[in-house]
């Protein structure tokens, strides 16, 4: 779909993490996470393994790398670039201290760790991470019958997920893109894609749904996405397929999109630009990109040049392209 690394359309991001007696910066740029306050994190990790105290920044980096190809991050992450997952470092600390009545635990849904249905954009019900409150802490640290190795492992995993969510929206998008790219061509888990087809299709549906509502006004619950098959139908293009069909509930959008769409298009906030749905990125060097986009289902994509404004998350506007010129000069 593109010769450009997927992360070239994303800006660098920085946040501050409680570490030791203060806070330290954590940065993400060019597809990599870095710890500017730690000159030799590998040496620090060795000292920690020998019994020293492990810096919180190193724990963040370890969690990032352990979950860089973890589909759970697509299940708990945002469904639109402006979704607010709403996890703070205070929430992480409350969970770490096993406070079952914490503000974070009280507001969590009781469902298991699984991707929810897309849901409507208004109110953002889909932005809440699907992590159980009691299930992830019951029986640990004095509650219930006491800890077991499995419960300790589960709790450690949930703590890592919360830590990653506390990094903030820009890092959510970067990590979601990283995970999606691992299942795309050239990724570390591409061979496992067929085994995880249901989860990947749910992840695609959950993110195309709010984009389709903004693009066409389609009810998010009436959006279905499948991964393209090896044998394309006569209407399925290299980038996939979009079809709008009528139903008793209203217009239903059927789509076939590759998992790479999540990394190259959705993660940078490029899904809808200027009343077009972007289906592929040809070239990118933030804040500019050349994309293929469709004005309506059934239409062939046109090539557009787009540029991001300074807003957070990035807002993209059309700079030029054949379709744009036609609309500007009817």
Protein backbone atom coordinates (compact mmCIF):
# COMPACT_ATOMS: atom_id res chain seq x y z
CA UNK A 1 0.00 0.00 0.00
CA UNK A 2 2.88 2.38 0.63
CA UNK A 3 6.64 2.52 0.48
CA UNK A 4 6.69 4.96 3.39
CA UNK A 5 7.00 3.66 6.97
CA UNK A 6 3.55 3.85 8.58
CA UNK A 7 4.69 6.20 11.34
CA UNK A 8 5.85 8.95 8.95
CA UNK A 9 2.37 10.52 9.07
CA UNK A 10 2.46 10.79 12.88
CA UNK A 11 4.08 13.66 14.80
CA UNK A 12 6.57 13.06 17.58
CA UNK A 13 5.01 12.86 21.04
CA UNK A 14 6.27 13.55 24.54
CA UNK A 15 4.78 13.06 28.00
CA UNK A 16 6.02 13.13 31.57
CA UNK A 17 6.06 10.06 33.79
CA UNK A 18 6.36 9.90 37.59
CA UNK A 19 9.82 8.43 38.15
CA UNK A 20 11.75 8.42 41.41
CA UNK A 21 11.20 11.66 43.29
CA UNK A 22 10.16 13.61 40.21
CA UNK A 23 8.91 13.25 36.66
CA UNK A 24 10.84 12.31 33.54
CA UNK A 25 10.06 12.75 29.85
CA UNK A 26 9.13 9.81 27.66
CA UNK A 27 9.25 10.41 23.92
CA UNK A 28 8.01 8.63 20.82
CA UNK A 29 9.34 9.55 17.37
CA UNK A 30 10.15 7.74 14.13
CA UNK A 31 8.42 4.61 15.39
CA UNK A 32 10.55 4.32 18.55
CA UNK A 33 10.08 5.00 22.24
CA UNK A 34 12.96 6.72 24.07
CA UNK A 35 13.80 7.75 27.65
CA UNK A 36 15.80 11.02 27.49
CA UNK A 37 16.40 11.12 31.27
CA UNK A 38 18.05 7.68 31.27
CA UNK A 39 21.33 7.70 29.40
CA UNK A 40 21.95 3.96 29.63
CA UNK A 41 18.63 2.17 30.25
CA UNK A 42 20.16 -1.22 29.47
CA UNK A 43 22.71 -0.82 32.27
CA UNK A 44 19.96 0.34 34.64
CA UNK A 45 17.91 -2.72 33.73
CA UNK A 46 20.87 -4.99 34.56
CA UNK A 47 21.29 -3.33 37.96
CA UNK A 48 17.56 -3.72 38.64
CA UNK A 49 17.77 -7.41 37.73
CA UNK A 50 20.55 -7.78 40.31
CA UNK A 51 18.30 -6.48 43.04
CA UNK A 52 18.26 -2.73 42.57
CA UNK A 53 15.11 -0.62 42.26
CA UNK A 54 13.77 -0.42 38.72
CA UNK A 55 13.03 3.08 37.47
CA UNK A 56 9.40 3.74 36.53
CA UNK A 57 10.49 4.96 33.09
CA UNK A 58 12.09 1.59 32.43
CA UNK A 59 8.88 -0.14 33.46
CA UNK A 60 7.01 2.00 30.93
CA UNK A 61 9.47 1.06 28.19
CA UNK A 62 9.30 -2.63 29.09
CA UNK A 63 5.49 -2.53 29.00
CA UNK A 64 5.57 -0.76 25.64
CA UNK A 65 7.82 -3.38 24.07
CA UNK A 66 5.90 -6.30 25.57
CA UNK A 67 2.61 -5.00 24.15
CA UNK A 68 3.90 -3.61 20.83
CA UNK A 69 2.29 -6.55 19.01
CA UNK A 70 -0.50 -7.27 21.51
CA UNK A 71 -4.05 -7.23 20.17
CA UNK A 72 -5.27 -6.36 23.66
CA UNK A 73 -4.11 -2.80 22.99
CA UNK A 74 -6.54 -2.55 20.08
CA UNK A 75 -9.28 -3.83 22.39
CA UNK A 76 -8.72 -1.25 25.13
CA UNK A 77 -7.47 1.67 23.06
CA UNK A 78 -9.41 4.56 21.49
CA UNK A 79 -11.80 4.12 18.55
CA UNK A 80 -11.29 7.64 17.18
CA UNK A 81 -8.26 9.95 17.38
CA UNK A 82 -10.09 12.33 19.74
CA UNK A 83 -11.35 9.61 22.10
CA UNK A 84 -10.30 10.20 25.70
CA UNK A 85 -9.61 6.91 27.42
CA UNK A 86 -9.22 8.85 30.65
CA UNK A 87 -6.61 6.91 32.64
CA UNK A 88 -4.31 8.98 34.86
CA UNK A 89 -1.15 8.21 36.82
CA UNK A 90 -3.28 8.49 39.95
CA UNK A 91 -5.43 5.65 38.59
CA UNK A 92 -2.30 3.57 38.00
CA UNK A 93 -1.11 4.19 41.56
CA UNK A 94 -4.51 3.32 43.02
CA UNK A 95 -4.52 0.06 41.10
CA UNK A 96 -0.94 -0.67 42.17
CA UNK A 97 -2.00 -0.28 45.80
CA UNK A 98 -4.92 -2.72 45.40
CA UNK A 99 -7.55 -0.18 46.32
CA UNK A 100 -10.71 -1.90 45.08
CA UNK A 101 -12.83 1.16 45.84
CA UNK A 102 -10.59 3.44 43.79
CA UNK A 103 -12.05 6.03 41.47
CA UNK A 104 -10.73 4.10 38.48
CA UNK A 105 -12.09 0.70 39.56
CA UNK A 106 -15.53 2.11 40.33
CA UNK A 107 -16.01 3.53 36.86
CA UNK A 108 -14.76 0.51 34.93
CA UNK A 109 -17.24 -1.72 33.08
CA UNK A 110 -17.62 -5.27 34.29
CA UNK A 111 -16.99 -6.94 30.94
CA UNK A 112 -13.88 -8.93 30.18
CA UNK A 113 -10.86 -7.77 28.23
CA UNK A 114 -12.37 -7.87 24.75
CA UNK A 115 -13.10 -5.39 22.00
CA UNK A 116 -16.61 -3.95 22.33
CA UNK A 117 -18.96 -3.27 19.46
CA UNK A 118 -18.28 0.05 17.76
CA UNK A 119 -21.04 2.00 19.48
CA UNK A 120 -22.01 5.56 18.71
CA UNK A 121 -19.51 8.38 18.56
CA UNK A 122 -21.63 10.69 20.70
CA UNK A 123 -20.82 10.13 24.35
CA UNK A 124 -17.88 7.92 23.33
CA UNK A 125 -19.07 4.76 25.12
CA UNK A 126 -16.54 2.83 23.09
CA UNK A 127 -13.60 4.80 24.49
CA UNK A 128 -13.73 3.12 27.90
CA UNK A 129 -11.14 0.37 28.23
CA UNK A 130 -12.83 -2.98 28.65
CA UNK A 131 -10.96 -4.13 31.76
CA UNK A 132 -12.92 -5.69 34.65
CA UNK A 133 -12.63 -3.96 38.00
CA UNK A 134 -13.12 -6.89 40.40
CA UNK A 135 -11.79 -9.52 38.01
CA UNK A 136 -8.38 -7.96 37.70
CA UNK A 137 -7.85 -7.52 41.45
CA UNK A 138 -10.02 -10.10 43.21
CA UNK A 139 -7.99 -12.47 45.33
CA UNK A 140 -4.85 -10.32 45.14
CA UNK A 141 -3.17 -8.47 47.96
CA UNK A 142 -5.41 -9.51 50.84
CA UNK A 143 -8.72 -9.68 48.99
CA UNK A 144 -10.46 -13.04 48.57
CA UNK A 145 -8.47 -16.20 49.15
CA UNK A 146 -5.06 -14.72 48.50
CA UNK A 147 -2.81 -14.39 45.48
CA UNK A 148 -1.97 -17.20 43.11
CA UNK A 149 0.66 -17.19 40.37
CA UNK A 150 -2.02 -16.84 37.71
CA UNK A 151 -3.72 -13.95 39.50
CA UNK A 152 -0.40 -12.23 40.03
CA UNK A 153 0.39 -12.60 36.34
CA UNK A 154 -3.03 -11.26 35.39
CA UNK A 155 -2.68 -8.34 37.75
CA UNK A 156 0.79 -7.49 36.41
CA UNK A 157 -0.58 -7.54 32.86
CA UNK A 158 -3.47 -5.24 33.78
CA UNK A 159 -1.08 -2.87 35.53
CA UNK A 160 1.00 -2.68 32.36
CA UNK A 161 -2.08 -1.90 30.27
CA UNK A 162 -3.12 0.87 32.63
CA UNK A 163 0.42 2.26 32.59
CA UNK A 164 0.37 2.43 28.80
CA UNK A 165 -3.08 4.05 28.77
CA UNK A 166 -1.85 6.69 31.24
CA UNK A 167 0.70 7.89 28.67
CA UNK A 168 -2.04 9.86 26.93
CA UNK A 169 -3.83 10.07 23.55
CA UNK A 170 -0.80 10.62 21.31
CA UNK A 171 0.85 7.49 22.67
CA UNK A 172 -2.40 5.53 22.40
CA UNK A 173 -2.46 6.23 18.66
CA UNK A 174 1.24 5.43 18.25
CA UNK A 175 0.93 2.14 20.11
CA UNK A 176 -2.28 1.15 18.30
CA UNK A 177 -0.50 1.81 15.01
CA UNK A 178 2.48 -0.23 16.16
CA UNK A 179 0.27 -3.19 17.02
CA UNK A 180 -1.65 -3.00 13.72
CA UNK A 181 1.60 -2.74 11.74
CA UNK A 182 2.85 -5.93 13.38
CA UNK A 183 -0.01 -7.83 11.63
CA UNK A 184 0.45 -6.03 8.29
CA UNK A 185 2.83 -7.15 5.52
CA UNK A 186 6.38 -6.99 6.82
CA UNK A 187 5.21 -7.10 10.45
CA UNK A 188 6.42 -9.51 13.10
CA UNK A 189 3.02 -11.26 13.39
CA UNK A 190 1.80 -11.13 9.80
CA UNK A 191 1.82 -14.94 9.56
CA UNK A 192 -0.62 -15.08 12.49
CA UNK A 193 -3.15 -12.80 10.81
CA UNK A 194 -5.49 -15.58 9.62
CA UNK A 195 -5.65 -16.98 13.17
CA UNK A 196 -6.73 -13.60 14.52
CA UNK A 197 -9.06 -12.59 11.73
CA UNK A 198 -12.12 -12.06 14.03
CA UNK A 199 -10.23 -9.76 16.41
CA UNK A 200 -8.66 -7.79 13.58
CA UNK A 201 -12.00 -7.34 11.84
CA UNK A 202 -13.57 -6.12 15.10
CA UNK A 203 -10.70 -3.65 15.50
CA UNK A 204 -11.21 -2.38 11.95
CA UNK A 205 -14.98 -2.13 12.36
CA UNK A 206 -14.68 -0.28 15.65
CA UNK A 207 -12.49 2.37 14.04
CA UNK A 208 -14.11 2.69 10.64
CA UNK A 209 -17.55 3.08 12.29
CA UNK A 210 -17.03 6.59 13.76
CA UNK A 211 -15.20 7.63 10.59
CA UNK A 212 -18.14 6.43 8.47
CA UNK A 213 -20.55 8.41 10.62
CA UNK A 214 -18.49 11.57 10.08
CA UNK A 215 -18.10 10.81 6.36
CA UNK A 216 -21.59 9.68 5.35
CA UNK A 217 -23.76 10.00 8.45
CA UNK A 218 -24.03 6.20 8.62
CA UNK A 219 -25.15 4.72 11.94
CA UNK A 220 -21.95 3.25 13.47
CA UNK A 221 -23.86 0.08 14.33
CA UNK A 222 -24.49 -0.43 10.59
CA UNK A 223 -20.83 -0.63 9.59
CA UNK A 224 -19.23 -3.99 8.84
CA UNK A 225 -15.58 -4.48 7.91
CA UNK A 226 -13.85 -7.63 6.75
CA UNK A 227 -10.26 -8.26 5.83
CA UNK A 228 -9.70 -8.64 2.08
CA UNK A 229 -9.38 -12.21 0.88
CA UNK A 230 -6.61 -13.53 -1.30
CA UNK A 231 -9.04 -13.80 -4.22
CA UNK A 232 -10.47 -10.36 -4.85
CA UNK A 233 -13.91 -10.00 -6.35
CA UNK A 234 -14.41 -7.99 -9.51
CA UNK A 235 -15.33 -4.89 -7.48
CA UNK A 236 -12.56 -5.17 -4.91
CA UNK A 237 -9.59 -2.91 -5.60
CA UNK A 238 -6.02 -3.22 -4.36
CA UNK A 239 -6.87 -1.08 -1.33
CA UNK A 240 -10.11 -2.93 -0.59
CA UNK A 241 -13.80 -2.24 -1.20
CA UNK A 242 -16.63 0.02 0.01
CA UNK A 243 -20.31 -0.64 -0.62
CA UNK A 244 -23.35 1.20 0.72
CA UNK A 245 -26.51 -0.89 0.82
CA UNK A 246 -30.00 -0.26 2.09
CA UNK A 247 -31.46 -2.09 5.08
CA UNK A 248 -34.53 -1.87 7.28
CA UNK A 249 -32.46 0.00 9.89
CA UNK A 250 -30.97 2.41 7.37
CA UNK A 251 -27.96 2.59 5.03
CA UNK A 252 -25.37 -0.09 5.85
CA UNK A 253 -21.72 0.28 4.91
CA UNK A 254 -19.85 -2.89 3.96
CA UNK A 255 -16.09 -2.56 3.66
CA UNK A 256 -13.03 -4.64 2.98
CA UNK A 257 -9.88 -3.02 4.33
CA UNK A 258 -6.41 -4.38 5.08
CA UNK A 259 -5.16 -4.27 8.64
CA UNK A 260 -2.48 -1.84 7.46
CA UNK A 261 -5.26 0.79 7.19
CA UNK A 262 -5.27 1.01 10.98
CA UNK A 263 -1.59 1.95 11.09
CA UNK A 264 -1.15 4.05 7.97
CA UNK A 265 -4.51 5.85 7.86
CA UNK A 266 -6.41 5.63 11.14
CA UNK A 267 -3.59 6.11 13.66
CA UNK A 268 -2.42 9.44 12.13
CA UNK A 269 -6.03 10.71 12.11
CA UNK A 270 -6.30 10.59 8.32
CA UNK A 271 -9.50 8.53 8.06
CA UNK A 272 -11.72 11.42 6.91
CA UNK A 273 -10.28 14.46 5.16
CA UNK A 274 -12.36 17.04 3.34
CA UNK A 275 -15.50 14.86 2.91
CA UNK A 276 -13.34 11.98 1.64
CA UNK A 277 -12.56 8.65 3.26
CA UNK A 278 -8.85 7.96 2.99
CA UNK A 279 -8.15 4.38 1.97
CA UNK A 280 -4.35 4.45 1.55
CA UNK A 281 -1.30 6.61 2.15
CA UNK A 282 1.17 6.77 -0.73
CA UNK A 283 3.80 9.03 0.84
CA UNK A 284 4.06 10.86 4.13
CA UNK A 285 6.42 13.14 6.01
CA UNK A 286 4.49 14.81 8.80
CA UNK A 287 2.84 17.32 8.51
CA UNK A 288 2.30 16.46 4.83
CA UNK A 289 1.05 13.35 3.06
CA UNK A 290 -0.16 12.11 -0.30
CA UNK A 291 -3.20 9.88 0.04
CA UNK A 292 -5.79 7.98 -1.96
CA UNK A 293 -9.32 8.88 -0.91
CA UNK A 294 -12.87 8.24 -2.08
CA UNK A 295 -15.67 10.77 -2.12
CA UNK A 296 -18.43 8.13 -1.94
CA UNK A 297 -18.78 4.33 -1.91
CA UNK A 298 -18.44 2.98 -5.43
CA UNK A 299 -16.29 5.87 -6.58
CA UNK A 300 -12.68 5.36 -7.60
CA UNK A 301 -10.13 6.90 -5.24
CA UNK A 302 -8.41 10.15 -6.15
CA UNK A 303 -4.94 11.28 -5.15
CA UNK A 304 -4.91 14.18 -2.69
CA UNK A 305 -2.14 16.08 -0.98
CA UNK A 306 -3.02 16.87 2.63
CA UNK A 307 -1.41 18.80 5.45
CA UNK A 308 -1.89 18.58 9.21
CA UNK A 309 -2.65 21.63 11.31
CA UNK A 310 -1.10 22.16 14.72
CA UNK A 311 -4.16 20.82 16.53
CA UNK A 312 -4.01 17.79 18.84
CA UNK A 313 -4.97 15.29 17.63
CA UNK A 314 -3.85 16.32 14.18
CA UNK A 315 -6.50 17.81 11.90
CA UNK A 316 -5.77 17.23 8.23
CA UNK A 317 -6.80 19.53 5.41
CA UNK A 318 -6.62 19.09 1.64
CA UNK A 319 -3.84 21.04 -0.07
CA UNK A 320 -4.48 19.83 -3.58
CA UNK A 321 -5.52 17.00 -5.87
CA UNK A 322 -7.71 16.35 -8.89
CA UNK A 323 -10.93 15.93 -6.94
CA UNK A 324 -10.23 18.94 -4.76
CA UNK A 325 -9.70 21.15 -7.80
CA UNK A 326 -12.96 19.95 -9.32
CA UNK A 327 -14.86 20.84 -6.14
CA UNK A 328 -13.17 24.21 -5.86
CA UNK A 329 -13.78 25.09 -9.53
CA UNK A 330 -17.11 23.59 -10.55
